[in-house]
């Protein structure tokens, strides 16, 4: 359990996905939790709101464009989807990279894709078919110029940081090695995808990331296997397709 917790802590934005939606912990089909989460799970404190935005702020108003863009339970029959907040033991904020050129890659692992995001809604996704596969899906609103700049910075960082980097958030430090561009088809305006091996305290995990811009909205998808971190994880195509479809419909 300690190794699993350490692995998940390497990618803070995946905490709620891995702990709340890892397929090893998923309830049986037909017994899905409330897709909006529950007071006892949203922030780990009794009486907490049903869903909280990254950093502990109140969740966006139900029915907002961003909320309508986010995945919900029932959107993908082979997956459990949760709007649970982060694990209360998760570090808050944006990780700080040891190399300036790699800061965009560190940011993407944090509470939101980067500091320019106006609002972010997160979802945790656990596969019912592939044991341990956990995906973090988020949608964020931006000024369109900022959204375009984010994709450009990420592409440059992937090219510059192949030998890896380390990042620290609060008192936790992780290293990210073998940063490699990856092919991934999306229906958005532009996208970038890469893989990396995250490591801390002797535990490592392969992570796959996909970031897509659709107008002024940015979709961030991150996948790892919480049961076997050494296994290659990949964001499922059907998850990416459904998320982009919802963004387009909501917009």
Protein backbone atom coordinates (compact mmCIF):
# COMPACT_ATOMS: atom_id res chain seq x y z
CA UNK A 1 0.00 0.00 0.00
CA UNK A 2 2.86 2.40 0.81
CA UNK A 3 4.41 1.80 -2.61
CA UNK A 4 1.08 2.40 -4.31
CA UNK A 5 0.52 5.62 -2.37
CA UNK A 6 3.99 6.84 -3.27
CA UNK A 7 3.47 6.03 -6.94
CA UNK A 8 0.20 7.92 -7.05
CA UNK A 9 1.71 10.89 -5.20
CA UNK A 10 4.11 11.33 -8.12
CA UNK A 11 1.27 12.72 -10.19
CA UNK A 12 -0.84 14.82 -7.80
CA UNK A 13 -3.70 15.40 -10.24
CA UNK A 14 -4.15 11.62 -10.53
CA UNK A 15 -4.66 11.09 -6.81
CA UNK A 16 -8.44 11.17 -6.86
CA UNK A 17 -8.52 9.02 -9.98
CA UNK A 18 -6.23 6.32 -8.69
CA UNK A 19 -7.58 6.14 -5.16
CA UNK A 20 -11.22 6.74 -5.98
CA UNK A 21 -11.48 4.96 -9.31
CA UNK A 22 -8.70 2.38 -9.57
CA UNK A 23 -10.35 -0.71 -11.03
CA UNK A 24 -9.04 -2.87 -8.20
CA UNK A 25 -11.23 -0.83 -5.83
CA UNK A 26 -14.15 -0.21 -8.18
CA UNK A 27 -17.60 -1.42 -7.08
CA UNK A 28 -19.38 -4.09 -9.04
CA UNK A 29 -21.23 -3.08 -12.17
CA UNK A 30 -24.62 -1.67 -11.34
CA UNK A 31 -23.42 -0.32 -7.98
CA UNK A 32 -21.81 2.88 -9.12
CA UNK A 33 -21.38 5.73 -6.66
CA UNK A 34 -23.06 9.06 -7.08
CA UNK A 35 -21.12 10.63 -10.00
CA UNK A 36 -20.92 13.89 -8.08
CA UNK A 37 -19.17 12.17 -5.17
CA UNK A 38 -20.33 12.26 -1.56
CA UNK A 39 -19.60 14.56 1.37
CA UNK A 40 -17.40 11.96 3.01
CA UNK A 41 -15.19 11.53 -0.04
CA UNK A 42 -15.01 14.94 -1.68
CA UNK A 43 -12.31 16.33 0.56
CA UNK A 44 -11.95 13.74 3.29
CA UNK A 45 -13.71 15.90 5.87
CA UNK A 46 -17.25 15.41 7.18
CA UNK A 47 -19.66 17.93 5.77
CA UNK A 48 -17.37 18.88 2.90
CA UNK A 49 -19.03 19.91 -0.40
CA UNK A 50 -19.79 17.14 -2.87
CA UNK A 51 -17.03 18.20 -5.25
CA UNK A 52 -14.23 20.67 -4.81
CA UNK A 53 -12.09 22.38 -7.37
CA UNK A 54 -8.30 21.97 -7.24
CA UNK A 55 -6.72 23.88 -4.39
CA UNK A 56 -9.79 23.46 -2.17
CA UNK A 57 -12.03 26.13 -3.70
CA UNK A 58 -15.71 25.50 -4.29
CA UNK A 59 -16.66 23.50 -7.36
CA UNK A 60 -18.03 25.35 -10.38
CA UNK A 61 -21.80 25.82 -10.43
CA UNK A 62 -23.62 22.76 -11.77
CA UNK A 63 -24.75 23.43 -15.31
CA UNK A 64 -21.84 25.69 -16.24
CA UNK A 65 -20.26 25.14 -19.65
CA UNK A 66 -17.19 23.57 -18.08
CA UNK A 67 -19.26 21.22 -15.90
CA UNK A 68 -21.27 20.16 -18.94
CA UNK A 69 -17.99 19.46 -20.72
CA UNK A 70 -16.76 17.08 -18.02
CA UNK A 71 -17.28 13.34 -18.20
CA UNK A 72 -19.98 11.80 -16.01
CA UNK A 73 -20.85 8.32 -14.84
CA UNK A 74 -22.65 6.55 -17.71
CA UNK A 75 -20.76 8.34 -20.48
CA UNK A 76 -18.40 5.38 -20.88
CA UNK A 77 -19.93 1.99 -19.99
CA UNK A 78 -16.60 0.23 -19.44
CA UNK A 79 -15.34 2.83 -16.96
CA UNK A 80 -16.18 4.12 -13.51
CA UNK A 81 -16.18 7.92 -13.44
CA UNK A 82 -16.04 10.00 -10.28
CA UNK A 83 -16.03 13.68 -9.43
CA UNK A 84 -14.43 13.06 -6.05
CA UNK A 85 -12.07 15.67 -4.75
CA UNK A 86 -8.40 14.96 -4.15
CA UNK A 87 -7.17 12.73 -1.38
CA UNK A 88 -6.75 15.02 1.68
CA UNK A 89 -3.12 13.88 1.96
CA UNK A 90 -2.34 15.04 -1.56
CA UNK A 91 -0.05 18.06 -1.94
CA UNK A 92 -1.67 21.23 -3.25
CA UNK A 93 -0.44 23.59 -5.94
CA UNK A 94 1.78 23.48 -8.95
CA UNK A 95 5.01 21.42 -8.84
CA UNK A 96 8.24 23.35 -9.34
CA UNK A 97 10.72 21.87 -11.82
CA UNK A 98 14.49 21.94 -11.35
CA UNK A 99 14.89 23.00 -15.01
CA UNK A 100 13.13 26.09 -16.33
CA UNK A 101 12.58 24.51 -19.75
CA UNK A 102 10.68 21.64 -18.10
CA UNK A 103 8.34 23.75 -15.93
CA UNK A 104 5.39 23.31 -18.35
CA UNK A 105 5.69 19.53 -17.89
CA UNK A 106 5.79 19.93 -14.11
CA UNK A 107 2.77 22.25 -14.18
CA UNK A 108 0.69 19.74 -16.10
CA UNK A 109 1.07 17.29 -13.19
CA UNK A 110 -0.44 19.78 -10.75
CA UNK A 111 -3.88 20.91 -9.70
CA UNK A 112 -4.47 22.59 -13.06
CA UNK A 113 -2.66 22.46 -16.41
CA UNK A 114 -0.84 25.72 -15.75
CA UNK A 115 -1.31 28.96 -13.78
CA UNK A 116 -3.17 30.68 -16.63
CA UNK A 117 -6.18 28.36 -16.32
CA UNK A 118 -9.27 30.32 -15.30
CA UNK A 119 -11.20 27.32 -14.05
CA UNK A 120 -10.61 23.55 -13.99
CA UNK A 121 -13.01 20.64 -13.50
CA UNK A 122 -11.49 17.23 -12.75
CA UNK A 123 -12.75 13.68 -13.14
CA UNK A 124 -11.26 10.36 -12.05
CA UNK A 125 -11.72 7.38 -14.37
CA UNK A 126 -11.10 3.70 -13.59
CA UNK A 127 -11.21 0.96 -16.20
CA UNK A 128 -13.50 -2.02 -15.56
CA UNK A 129 -11.59 -4.14 -18.08
CA UNK A 130 -7.91 -3.31 -17.56
CA UNK A 131 -6.98 -3.94 -13.94
CA UNK A 132 -5.34 -0.92 -12.34
CA UNK A 133 -5.73 1.53 -15.23
CA UNK A 134 -6.54 4.96 -13.82
CA UNK A 135 -7.05 8.09 -15.91
CA UNK A 136 -7.29 11.67 -14.74
CA UNK A 137 -9.40 13.81 -17.09
CA UNK A 138 -9.72 17.55 -16.67
CA UNK A 139 -11.22 20.38 -18.67
CA UNK A 140 -9.96 23.93 -18.17
CA UNK A 141 -11.10 27.29 -19.49
CA UNK A 142 -8.59 29.86 -20.79
CA UNK A 143 -8.31 32.95 -22.83
CA UNK A 144 -7.82 31.37 -26.27
CA UNK A 145 -4.39 32.99 -26.67
CA UNK A 146 -3.30 31.43 -23.36
CA UNK A 147 -4.60 28.02 -24.44
CA UNK A 148 -2.60 28.22 -27.67
CA UNK A 149 0.50 29.32 -25.76
CA UNK A 150 0.17 26.35 -23.39
CA UNK A 151 0.23 23.82 -26.23
CA UNK A 152 3.27 25.54 -27.76
CA UNK A 153 5.11 25.52 -24.42
CA UNK A 154 4.36 21.85 -23.88
CA UNK A 155 5.63 20.87 -27.32
CA UNK A 156 8.84 22.80 -26.71
CA UNK A 157 9.27 21.26 -23.24
CA UNK A 158 8.79 17.70 -24.51
CA UNK A 159 11.50 18.34 -27.11
CA UNK A 160 13.85 19.91 -24.55
CA UNK A 161 13.40 17.54 -21.59
CA UNK A 162 14.03 14.09 -23.00
CA UNK A 163 16.74 13.40 -20.41
CA UNK A 164 14.27 14.12 -17.64
CA UNK A 165 13.80 16.52 -14.74
CA UNK A 166 12.67 16.56 -11.13
CA UNK A 167 9.83 18.51 -9.57
CA UNK A 168 8.78 19.40 -6.04
CA UNK A 169 5.34 20.23 -4.67
CA UNK A 170 5.16 21.12 -0.98
CA UNK A 171 7.63 18.64 0.57
CA UNK A 172 7.27 15.88 -2.04
CA UNK A 173 9.81 15.45 -4.81
CA UNK A 174 9.59 13.19 -7.84
CA UNK A 175 11.73 12.62 -10.89
CA UNK A 176 10.47 12.26 -14.45
CA UNK A 177 12.79 10.50 -16.86
CA UNK A 178 12.56 9.24 -20.43
CA UNK A 179 10.26 12.01 -21.63
CA UNK A 180 9.25 10.94 -25.13
CA UNK A 181 6.78 12.37 -27.64
CA UNK A 182 3.96 9.92 -28.42
CA UNK A 183 1.57 9.64 -31.33
CA UNK A 184 -2.07 10.07 -30.38
CA UNK A 185 -5.01 10.98 -32.59
CA UNK A 186 -7.48 13.59 -31.35
CA UNK A 187 -10.29 15.61 -32.87
CA UNK A 188 -9.26 18.89 -31.22
CA UNK A 189 -7.74 22.00 -32.78
CA UNK A 190 -4.24 20.94 -31.70
CA UNK A 191 -2.69 18.51 -29.26
CA UNK A 192 0.50 17.16 -27.74
CA UNK A 193 1.15 13.72 -26.23
CA UNK A 194 4.10 12.17 -24.43
CA UNK A 195 5.16 9.42 -22.04
CA UNK A 196 7.43 9.56 -19.03
CA UNK A 197 8.58 7.36 -16.15
CA UNK A 198 7.81 8.97 -12.79
CA UNK A 199 9.83 7.86 -9.74
CA UNK A 200 10.08 8.62 -6.03
CA UNK A 201 11.23 6.70 -2.95
CA UNK A 202 12.24 3.74 -5.06
CA UNK A 203 8.84 3.40 -6.73
CA UNK A 204 8.31 4.16 -10.41
CA UNK A 205 5.37 4.29 -12.78
CA UNK A 206 4.94 4.78 -16.51
CA UNK A 207 2.66 7.68 -17.30
CA UNK A 208 1.02 8.72 -20.58
CA UNK A 209 -0.25 12.26 -21.05
CA UNK A 210 -2.43 13.84 -23.72
CA UNK A 211 -3.25 17.57 -23.78
CA UNK A 212 -5.73 18.89 -26.34
CA UNK A 213 -6.91 22.41 -27.16
CA UNK A 214 -10.40 22.96 -28.51
CA UNK A 215 -10.93 26.70 -28.90
CA UNK A 216 -10.44 28.26 -25.46
CA UNK A 217 -10.79 24.91 -23.63
CA UNK A 218 -7.91 22.60 -22.74
CA UNK A 219 -8.41 18.90 -22.04
CA UNK A 220 -5.74 17.16 -19.98
CA UNK A 221 -5.66 13.34 -19.81
CA UNK A 222 -3.13 11.36 -17.75
CA UNK A 223 -2.99 7.58 -17.40
CA UNK A 224 -1.05 5.18 -15.20
CA UNK A 225 -1.54 1.67 -13.85
CA UNK A 226 -1.92 1.88 -10.06
CA UNK A 227 -1.72 -1.92 -9.70
CA UNK A 228 1.47 -2.33 -11.73
CA UNK A 229 3.32 0.92 -12.36
CA UNK A 230 5.95 -0.75 -14.52
CA UNK A 231 3.31 -1.62 -17.10
CA UNK A 232 2.95 0.76 -20.02
CA UNK A 233 -0.21 2.79 -19.57
CA UNK A 234 -2.02 4.57 -22.38
CA UNK A 235 -4.95 6.97 -22.37
CA UNK A 236 -7.77 4.93 -23.97
CA UNK A 237 -8.82 6.35 -27.33
CA UNK A 238 -12.52 6.09 -26.44
CA UNK A 239 -11.96 8.20 -23.31
CA UNK A 240 -10.25 10.96 -25.30
CA UNK A 241 -12.87 10.85 -28.04
CA UNK A 242 -15.79 11.06 -25.62
CA UNK A 243 -14.20 13.90 -23.67
CA UNK A 244 -13.56 15.96 -26.80
CA UNK A 245 -17.08 15.27 -28.03
CA UNK A 246 -18.54 16.61 -24.78
CA UNK A 247 -16.36 19.73 -24.96
CA UNK A 248 -17.59 20.45 -28.49
CA UNK A 249 -21.23 19.87 -27.59
CA UNK A 250 -21.05 22.06 -24.50
CA UNK A 251 -19.32 24.85 -26.41
